[in-house]
Protein backbone atom coordinates (compact mmCIF):
# COMPACT_ATOMS: atom_id res chain seq x y z
CA MET A 1 0.00 0.00 0.00
CA ALA A 2 1.32 3.45 -0.88
CA ALA A 3 2.20 5.76 2.03
CA HIS A 4 -0.50 8.27 2.88
CA LYS A 5 0.39 11.77 1.70
CA LEU A 6 -0.86 15.12 2.97
CA PRO A 7 -2.80 17.10 0.38
CA ALA A 8 -0.61 19.80 -1.13
CA ALA A 9 -2.83 22.60 0.19
CA ILE A 10 -2.55 21.36 3.79
CA LEU A 11 1.20 20.88 3.51
CA LEU A 12 1.59 24.41 2.16
CA ALA A 13 -0.51 25.82 5.01
CA VAL A 14 1.66 24.04 7.60
CA LEU A 15 4.87 25.37 6.04
CA LEU A 16 3.49 28.91 5.95
CA ALA A 17 2.45 28.70 9.61
CA LEU A 18 5.92 27.55 10.64
CA ALA A 19 7.53 30.33 8.63
CA ALA A 20 5.30 32.92 10.27
CA ALA A 21 5.88 31.66 13.83
CA PRO A 22 7.73 34.30 15.90
CA LEU A 23 11.30 33.59 16.94
CA VAL A 24 11.62 33.53 20.74
CA VAL A 25 14.78 35.19 22.10
CA VAL A 26 15.61 34.19 25.68
CA ALA A 27 19.13 35.59 26.01
CA GLY A 28 18.00 38.61 28.02
CA ASP A 29 15.21 41.05 28.77
CA PRO A 30 13.11 42.36 25.84
CA ASP A 31 14.76 44.87 23.53
CA MET A 32 13.91 48.50 24.18
CA LEU A 33 12.34 50.77 21.60
CA GLN A 34 13.88 54.05 22.76
CA ASP A 35 17.29 55.38 23.83
CA VAL A 36 16.59 55.37 27.57
CA CYS A 37 13.65 54.66 29.88
CA VAL A 38 14.86 55.77 33.33
CA ALA A 39 12.74 54.21 36.07
CA ASP A 40 10.32 56.63 37.70
CA TYR A 41 9.99 55.27 41.24
CA HIS A 42 7.36 57.88 42.07
CA SER A 43 4.95 56.46 39.50
CA LEU A 44 4.80 52.87 40.74
CA LYS A 45 1.13 53.26 41.67
CA GLY A 46 0.23 54.38 38.19
CA PRO A 47 -2.37 52.61 36.03
CA LEU A 48 0.07 50.57 33.95
CA ARG A 49 3.19 48.52 34.67
CA LEU A 50 4.38 45.98 32.13
CA ASN A 51 7.61 44.02 32.66
CA GLY A 52 9.48 46.90 34.27
CA PHE A 53 9.10 50.35 35.76
CA PRO A 54 7.35 53.42 34.38
CA SER A 55 9.67 55.86 32.62
CA LYS A 56 10.59 59.37 33.66
CA ARG A 57 9.78 62.18 31.28
CA HIS A 58 12.92 62.86 29.24
CA GLU A 59 13.22 66.42 30.54
CA ASN A 60 13.53 65.02 34.09
CA VAL A 61 16.37 62.57 33.30
CA THR A 62 19.85 63.48 34.61
CA ALA A 63 23.31 61.91 34.52
CA ASN A 64 22.82 60.86 38.16
CA ASP A 65 20.20 58.34 37.02
CA PHE A 66 22.99 56.27 35.43
CA ILE A 67 25.59 56.15 38.22
CA SER A 68 25.84 54.28 41.52
CA GLY A 69 28.49 53.69 44.16
CA LEU A 70 26.76 50.61 45.56
CA LEU A 71 29.44 48.13 44.55
CA ALA A 72 32.25 50.18 46.10
CA LYS A 73 31.02 49.29 49.58
CA LEU A 74 32.16 46.18 51.46
CA GLY A 75 29.15 44.02 52.38
CA ASN A 76 28.44 42.97 55.95
CA THR A 77 29.36 39.29 56.15
CA GLY A 78 28.63 38.96 59.87
CA ASN A 79 25.73 36.55 59.39
CA ALA A 80 25.04 32.82 59.59
CA VAL A 81 26.32 32.04 56.08
CA GLY A 82 29.27 34.44 56.02
CA SER A 83 28.44 36.26 52.80
CA ALA A 84 26.74 39.45 51.64
CA VAL A 85 25.25 40.30 48.24
CA THR A 86 25.04 43.94 47.19
CA ALA A 87 22.87 44.28 44.08
CA ALA A 88 22.90 47.07 41.51
CA THR A 89 19.64 46.26 39.75
CA VAL A 90 16.91 48.48 38.35
CA GLU A 91 15.41 48.71 41.83
CA ARG A 92 18.39 50.80 42.97
CA LEU A 93 19.85 52.14 39.72
CA PRO A 94 17.01 53.69 37.68
CA GLY A 95 19.02 54.10 34.49
CA LEU A 96 19.05 50.32 34.04
CA ASN A 97 15.33 50.24 33.26
CA THR A 98 14.73 48.32 29.98
CA LEU A 99 18.48 47.85 29.33
CA GLY A 100 18.54 44.14 30.23
CA VAL A 101 21.71 44.18 32.38
CA SER A 102 22.64 44.50 36.05
CA MET A 103 25.50 43.74 38.44
CA ALA A 104 26.16 42.70 42.02
CA ARG A 105 29.02 42.42 44.47
CA ILE A 106 29.37 39.38 46.71
CA ASP A 107 31.63 39.56 49.76
CA PHE A 108 32.70 36.47 51.69
CA ALA A 109 34.00 36.10 55.22
CA PRO A 110 36.68 33.42 55.69
CA TRP A 111 35.07 30.10 54.67
CA GLY A 112 31.82 31.95 53.95
CA VAL A 113 29.17 30.54 51.61
CA ASN A 114 26.69 32.04 49.17
CA PRO A 115 24.14 29.24 49.63
CA PRO A 116 22.49 27.35 46.74
CA HIS A 117 20.15 29.68 44.86
CA ILE A 118 18.54 30.33 41.48
CA HIS A 119 18.24 33.38 39.23
CA PRO A 120 15.05 32.66 37.25
CA ARG A 121 15.49 35.50 34.78
CA ALA A 122 19.22 35.65 34.04
CA THR A 123 22.51 33.96 33.30
CA GLU A 124 25.24 35.08 35.72
CA ILE A 125 28.97 35.51 35.21
CA ILE A 126 31.29 36.22 38.14
CA PHE A 127 34.70 37.90 38.14
CA VAL A 128 36.86 37.13 41.19
CA LEU A 129 38.23 40.30 42.75
CA GLN A 130 39.93 38.70 45.72
CA GLY A 131 40.52 35.24 47.13
CA SER A 132 39.80 31.73 45.91
CA LEU A 133 36.35 30.17 45.73
CA HIS A 134 34.79 26.77 45.09
CA VAL A 135 31.82 27.34 42.79
CA GLY A 136 29.38 25.19 40.88
CA PHE A 137 25.98 24.71 39.27
CA ILE A 138 23.66 21.73 38.87
CA THR A 139 21.90 20.91 35.61
CA THR A 140 18.37 19.58 35.21
CA ALA A 141 19.97 16.14 34.73
CA ASN A 142 21.36 16.50 38.28
CA ARG A 143 24.94 16.87 37.03
CA LEU A 144 27.22 19.09 39.12
CA TYR A 145 29.78 21.27 37.31
CA ALA A 146 32.15 22.71 39.91
CA ARG A 147 35.72 23.92 40.26
CA THR A 148 37.97 26.40 42.02
CA VAL A 149 38.19 29.94 40.65
CA CYS A 150 40.89 32.40 41.67
CA ARG A 151 41.54 36.13 41.46
CA GLY A 152 41.14 37.43 37.90
CA GLU A 153 39.15 34.41 36.68
CA VAL A 154 35.50 34.26 35.60
CA TYR A 155 32.86 31.55 35.85
CA VAL A 156 29.41 31.29 34.24
CA PHE A 157 26.17 30.04 35.82
CA PRO A 158 23.46 29.31 33.19
CA ARG A 159 20.07 30.91 33.60
CA GLY A 160 17.68 29.22 36.02
CA LEU A 161 20.11 26.56 37.28
CA MET A 162 20.86 26.12 40.97
CA HIS A 163 24.38 27.29 41.91
CA PHE A 164 26.58 28.28 44.84
CA GLN A 165 29.92 29.84 45.81
CA LYS A 166 32.15 29.11 48.83
CA ASN A 167 35.25 30.92 50.04
CA ASN A 168 38.09 28.39 50.11
CA GLY A 169 40.34 30.29 52.49
CA GLY A 170 40.83 31.87 55.89
CA THR A 171 40.87 35.40 54.44
CA PRO A 172 38.02 37.48 52.93
CA ALA A 173 37.05 37.03 49.28
CA ALA A 174 34.95 39.06 46.85
CA VAL A 175 33.47 38.76 43.37
CA ILE A 176 31.60 40.96 40.93
CA SER A 177 28.59 39.39 39.19
CA ALA A 178 27.01 40.48 35.92
CA PHE A 179 23.53 39.48 34.72
CA ASN A 180 21.68 39.72 31.41
CA SER A 181 18.58 41.08 33.13
CA GLN A 182 17.80 44.37 34.82
CA LEU A 183 16.14 42.38 37.63
CA PRO A 184 17.40 38.77 37.62
CA GLY A 185 15.57 37.72 40.78
CA THR A 186 17.02 35.38 43.41
CA GLN A 187 15.47 32.34 45.05
CA ALA A 188 17.65 31.02 47.86
CA VAL A 189 16.71 27.35 48.09
CA ALA A 190 16.66 26.97 51.87
CA GLN A 191 14.95 30.31 52.52
CA THR A 192 12.39 29.64 49.76
CA LEU A 193 11.39 26.22 51.07
CA PHE A 194 11.61 26.75 54.83
CA GLY A 195 10.81 30.46 55.09
CA ALA A 196 7.90 30.84 52.66
CA SER A 197 4.82 32.81 53.68
CA PRO A 198 2.35 31.15 54.01
CA ALA A 199 4.54 28.22 55.00
CA VAL A 200 5.05 25.17 52.80
CA PRO A 201 3.21 22.31 54.57
CA THR A 202 5.47 20.38 56.91
CA ASP A 203 4.42 16.98 55.54
CA VAL A 204 5.35 18.08 52.01
CA LEU A 205 8.88 19.02 53.09
CA ALA A 206 9.19 15.91 55.29
CA ARG A 207 8.45 13.65 52.34
CA ALA A 208 10.58 15.65 49.92
CA PHE A 209 13.66 15.50 52.16
CA GLN A 210 12.85 12.10 53.67
CA ILE A 211 13.05 13.45 57.23
CA ASP A 212 10.56 13.65 60.10
CA GLY A 213 8.20 16.56 60.70
CA GLY A 214 9.95 17.60 63.90
CA LEU A 215 13.18 18.24 62.03
CA VAL A 216 11.27 20.24 59.40
CA GLU A 217 9.73 22.43 62.08
CA ALA A 218 13.12 22.93 63.72
CA THR A 219 14.60 23.96 60.38
CA LYS A 220 11.70 26.35 59.67
CA SER A 221 12.43 28.13 62.94
CA LYS A 222 15.82 29.16 61.52
CA PHE A 223 14.24 30.76 58.45
CA PRO A 224 11.60 33.26 59.58
CA PRO A 225 9.48 34.62 56.71
CA ARG A 226 10.86 37.85 55.27
């Protein structure tokens, strides 16, 4: 029996539909359609917000909208994990609005850790300013890619994949991070699961981690909702 063939008209329609399908670009935030769109923090209660902040009127834009000294300051690493992230995103640097980039500084106390976390909207690349760190990310196939990075080296963490950094030494360390999003977002795994509000049900976490409910409750007490 001869193989069944699609009628020519149907085949042509399918090919035209595929040709007309929009190409999806996921490398960064959407392209802007103007030179600048400086975030207007005073208009956040306005009638329309779509994937960003409202823009200032051009006559109100100044050079100060595009500069920040945030990353010049040493972060306070006197906390349980021994690290501090200082972000220069659109929330604190209005000139970044619609540009699809941002940066951060991460400071580490001796042996400090930036715990496992995810940036849902951006790929991250770090540049080591000081010290030596053990870094890594985990793929969706549960494969860990990790190594030591030293001063002057860079390392890339693909968008949306869980990753971490740990100071290898007994002296402080620091890195600069760059993101292909004006607001990459951060979900710290432990804080997200054990410090959510409302709380994730204890029995869900107990089964997920194969531990008893008492241990889940004890862990939750260390992560109060923010």
